[in-house]
Amino acid sequence: MSKISALCVYCGSSPGSDPAFVEAAHALGKTLAQNRVRLVYGGGSVGLMGALAEAVLEHGGQVTGIIPEFLAPREQPGRLPQELVITRDMHERKRKMFERADAFVALPGGVGTLEELVEQLTWLQVGRHRKPVLLANIKGFWNPFRVLLDHMKRLEFIYNDRNINLLVTDRVEDILPTLSQFATGVSGAENGMAVSTEQL
C-alpha cells in the first residue's frame, strides 16, 4: 500500500455490544499484517484494542503500543506490543501516536476514541498536517457523528472552503486501499469502492 507504512488506529478499550465490532478489529489487524503496515495504537490488551493488536501479531505483523503510565493498570498492555512506549500523560501519548503514523483510522469506541479522532480533524482544519483520517463506519457506528458534522456545516461553524477531507468506508477491506489512494491523489470512488469523502 503506497505511502502508508504505519497506521494509527483509535478504538475502544471495550469490545462493545455488537460482535461485528470485534470482528472488524480482527479483520483490520490481519489486513495490516498481510500488507506489512505497522499498527500504532493505544497499547492496551482489552476490548477492541486488544483484539486488533492480537490479530496483527497472530499474522506476523508489527505493533507499537503507546500508553500513559496511569492507564497501564486499567488497560493492561501486557505482552501485546512488540514496542511499548510509556508516556507521562495523554497529551504526550497523542503526540507520539501522531508522529509515528502516516494515517489515522477510527474504529468504534467511546469518548476517548472520539476525542482522539476530533483532535486529528482539528489539526487538519488548522493546517497542522495533511495525513489522511478515515472513519471505519462499521454497521453505521459513526453515522450520528456525521449527522453532527453536517449540523455544524449548516450553521456555518465548519466552512467547506477549508477543503478538509474526512474519508469514510463501511468495510474493513476498503480501509487500506482508500487511504493509499487518497495519499496518492486517486479517488477511491473511481474504482467503485464503498467509500465516501466528506469535506469539513
Protein backbone atom coordinates (compact mmCIF):
# COMPACT_ATOMS: atom_id res chain seq x y z
CA MET A 1 0.00 0.00 0.00
CA SER A 2 1.68 3.14 -1.26
CA LYS A 3 2.95 5.61 1.33
CA ILE A 4 1.17 4.00 4.29
CA SER A 5 3.78 2.14 6.32
CA ALA A 6 2.34 2.82 9.80
CA LEU A 7 -1.32 3.27 10.65
CA CYS A 8 -2.65 4.74 13.88
CA VAL A 9 -5.94 3.14 14.87
CA TYR A 10 -8.18 4.67 17.52
CA CYS A 11 -10.69 2.26 19.06
CA GLY A 12 -12.43 1.28 22.27
CA SER A 13 -10.94 -0.36 25.33
CA SER A 14 -14.32 -2.15 25.47
CA PRO A 15 -15.48 -4.73 22.91
CA GLY A 16 -18.86 -3.05 22.57
CA SER A 17 -22.21 -4.84 22.45
CA ASP A 18 -22.14 -5.98 18.82
CA PRO A 19 -19.80 -8.85 17.83
CA ALA A 20 -19.31 -7.12 14.46
CA PHE A 21 -17.03 -4.59 16.13
CA VAL A 22 -14.59 -7.23 17.40
CA GLU A 23 -14.79 -9.00 14.04
CA ALA A 24 -13.84 -5.74 12.32
CA ALA A 25 -10.88 -5.24 14.67
CA HIS A 26 -9.65 -8.77 13.93
CA ALA A 27 -10.08 -8.27 10.19
CA LEU A 28 -8.22 -4.97 10.21
CA GLY A 29 -5.37 -6.45 12.24
CA LYS A 30 -4.99 -9.31 9.77
CA THR A 31 -5.05 -6.88 6.84
CA LEU A 32 -2.35 -4.69 8.40
CA ALA A 33 -0.08 -7.67 8.96
CA GLN A 34 -0.60 -9.02 5.45
CA ASN A 35 0.24 -5.64 3.94
CA ARG A 36 3.23 -5.03 6.23
CA VAL A 37 1.70 -1.92 7.75
CA ARG A 38 2.76 -1.33 11.34
CA LEU A 39 -0.06 -0.81 13.83
CA VAL A 40 0.26 2.20 16.12
CA TYR A 41 -2.40 2.09 18.80
CA GLY A 42 -3.23 2.84 22.43
CA GLY A 43 -1.26 -0.08 23.87
CA GLY A 44 -3.98 -1.97 25.73
CA SER A 45 -4.81 -5.67 25.63
CA VAL A 46 -8.52 -5.24 26.37
CA GLY A 47 -11.56 -4.50 24.20
CA LEU A 48 -11.18 -3.65 20.53
CA MET A 49 -7.61 -2.50 21.18
CA GLY A 50 -6.63 -5.96 22.33
CA ALA A 51 -8.48 -7.73 19.53
CA LEU A 52 -6.80 -5.52 16.94
CA ALA A 53 -3.26 -5.93 18.28
CA GLU A 54 -3.65 -9.68 18.79
CA ALA A 55 -4.75 -10.12 15.18
CA VAL A 56 -1.75 -8.18 13.88
CA LEU A 57 0.64 -10.31 15.91
CA GLU A 58 -1.10 -13.59 15.07
CA HIS A 59 -0.47 -12.88 11.39
CA GLY A 60 3.15 -11.84 11.79
CA GLY A 61 2.72 -8.06 11.81
CA GLN A 62 4.37 -5.27 13.76
CA VAL A 63 2.78 -3.41 16.68
CA THR A 64 3.69 -0.24 18.56
CA GLY A 65 1.62 0.47 21.66
CA ILE A 66 1.66 3.92 23.27
CA ILE A 67 0.05 4.27 26.67
CA PRO A 68 0.21 6.79 29.53
CA GLU A 69 1.53 5.33 32.77
CA PHE A 70 -1.69 5.98 34.71
CA LEU A 71 -3.73 3.88 32.24
CA ALA A 72 -1.40 0.88 32.19
CA PRO A 73 -3.03 -0.89 35.18
CA ARG A 74 -6.50 -0.49 33.64
CA GLU A 75 -5.77 -1.30 30.00
CA GLN A 76 -3.14 -3.97 30.70
CA PRO A 77 -0.59 -3.63 27.90
CA GLY A 78 0.95 -6.93 28.97
CA ARG A 79 2.71 -8.89 26.22
CA LEU A 80 0.92 -7.44 23.20
CA PRO A 81 3.00 -4.65 21.66
CA GLN A 82 6.49 -5.57 20.47
CA GLU A 83 7.32 -1.94 21.13
CA LEU A 84 5.64 -0.38 24.15
CA VAL A 85 6.04 3.35 24.79
CA ILE A 86 5.04 4.62 28.23
CA THR A 87 4.19 8.31 28.34
CA ARG A 88 3.71 10.77 31.18
CA ASP A 89 0.21 11.79 30.16
CA MET A 90 -2.45 11.71 27.44
CA HIS A 91 -1.01 14.71 25.61
CA GLU A 92 2.37 13.06 25.15
CA ARG A 93 0.65 9.82 24.09
CA LYS A 94 -1.33 11.55 21.35
CA ARG A 95 1.69 13.46 20.12
CA LYS A 96 3.76 10.28 19.83
CA MET A 97 0.92 8.44 18.09
CA PHE A 98 0.72 11.27 15.60
CA GLU A 99 4.47 11.28 14.99
CA ARG A 100 4.63 7.50 14.42
CA ALA A 101 1.73 7.27 11.93
CA ASP A 102 1.19 8.03 8.24
CA ALA A 103 -2.61 7.95 8.54
CA PHE A 104 -5.41 7.56 11.09
CA VAL A 105 -8.44 5.28 11.34
CA ALA A 106 -11.24 5.39 13.90
CA LEU A 107 -12.96 2.11 14.66
CA PRO A 108 -15.93 2.14 17.04
CA GLY A 109 -15.12 3.36 20.53
CA GLY A 110 -16.11 5.68 23.33
CA VAL A 111 -15.33 9.21 24.42
CA GLY A 112 -11.57 8.67 24.25
CA THR A 113 -11.76 7.42 20.68
CA LEU A 114 -13.96 10.35 19.73
CA GLU A 115 -11.59 12.83 21.36
CA GLU A 116 -8.58 11.43 19.51
CA LEU A 117 -10.44 11.49 16.20
CA VAL A 118 -11.68 15.06 16.65
CA GLU A 119 -8.19 16.25 17.55
CA GLN A 120 -6.83 14.94 14.26
CA LEU A 121 -9.67 16.62 12.36
CA THR A 122 -8.97 19.86 14.20
CA TRP A 123 -5.29 19.70 13.32
CA LEU A 124 -6.28 19.08 9.69
CA GLN A 125 -8.58 22.09 9.72
CA VAL A 126 -5.94 24.44 11.09
CA GLY A 127 -3.28 23.12 8.73
CA ARG A 128 -1.02 21.27 11.17
CA HIS A 129 -0.91 18.14 9.00
CA ARG A 130 -2.27 16.61 5.78
CA LYS A 131 -2.32 12.95 6.80
CA PRO A 132 -5.50 11.08 5.84
CA VAL A 133 -8.15 10.45 8.50
CA LEU A 134 -10.75 7.74 7.98
CA LEU A 135 -13.92 6.65 9.76
CA ALA A 136 -14.39 2.88 9.75
CA ASN A 137 -18.17 3.14 9.81
CA ILE A 138 -18.84 -0.42 10.93
CA LYS A 139 -22.60 -1.08 10.92
CA GLY A 140 -23.19 2.66 10.76
CA PHE A 141 -21.47 3.33 14.09
CA TRP A 142 -20.25 6.79 13.05
CA ASN A 143 -23.49 7.94 11.42
CA PRO A 144 -24.57 10.10 14.40
CA PHE A 145 -21.18 11.84 14.33
CA ARG A 146 -21.57 12.51 10.62
CA VAL A 147 -25.00 14.00 11.28
CA LEU A 148 -23.43 16.31 13.88
CA LEU A 149 -20.79 17.43 11.39
CA ASP A 150 -23.49 18.20 8.85
CA HIS A 151 -25.36 20.19 11.52
CA MET A 152 -22.21 22.23 12.21
CA LYS A 153 -21.79 22.90 8.49
CA ARG A 154 -25.37 24.08 8.10
CA LEU A 155 -24.90 26.52 10.97
CA GLU A 156 -21.61 27.69 9.44
CA PHE A 157 -19.29 26.60 12.22
CA ILE A 158 -17.48 24.43 9.69
CA TYR A 159 -16.58 26.02 6.36
CA ASN A 160 -16.43 23.94 3.21
CA ASP A 161 -13.79 26.22 1.73
CA ARG A 162 -11.28 24.76 4.19
CA ASN A 163 -11.36 21.64 1.99
CA ILE A 164 -10.68 19.17 4.80
CA ASN A 165 -11.36 15.61 3.63
CA LEU A 166 -12.73 13.04 6.06
CA LEU A 167 -12.66 9.60 4.48
CA VAL A 168 -15.45 7.16 5.29
CA THR A 169 -15.84 3.48 4.46
CA ASP A 170 -18.22 0.83 5.74
CA ARG A 171 -15.99 -2.16 5.00
CA VAL A 172 -12.69 -3.13 6.60
CA GLU A 173 -11.31 -4.40 3.30
CA ASP A 174 -11.59 -0.91 1.83
CA ILE A 175 -9.61 0.87 4.56
CA LEU A 176 -6.05 0.47 3.28
CA PRO A 177 -6.92 0.91 -0.41
CA THR A 178 -8.84 4.09 0.41
CA LEU A 179 -6.01 5.53 2.49
CA SER A 180 -3.43 4.60 -0.12
CA GLN A 181 -5.42 6.07 -2.99
CA PHE A 182 -6.07 9.27 -1.06
CA ALA A 183 -2.37 9.55 -0.26
CA THR A 184 -1.50 9.26 -3.96
CA GLY A 185 -4.30 11.57 -5.11
CA VAL A 186 -6.53 8.90 -6.64
CA SER A 187 -10.22 8.82 -5.79
CA GLY A 188 -11.40 5.54 -4.33
CA ALA A 189 -14.84 6.20 -5.80
CA GLU A 190 -13.43 5.74 -9.30
CA ASN A 191 -12.89 2.07 -8.53
CA GLY A 192 -16.40 1.55 -7.21
CA MET A 193 -15.44 1.04 -3.58
CA ALA A 194 -17.96 1.65 -0.79
CA VAL A 195 -16.31 4.86 0.33
CA SER A 196 -17.24 8.50 0.60
CA THR A 197 -15.20 11.62 1.16
CA GLU A 198 -16.69 14.38 3.28
CA GLN A 199 -15.34 17.90 3.30
CA LEU A 200 -15.31 19.77 6.59
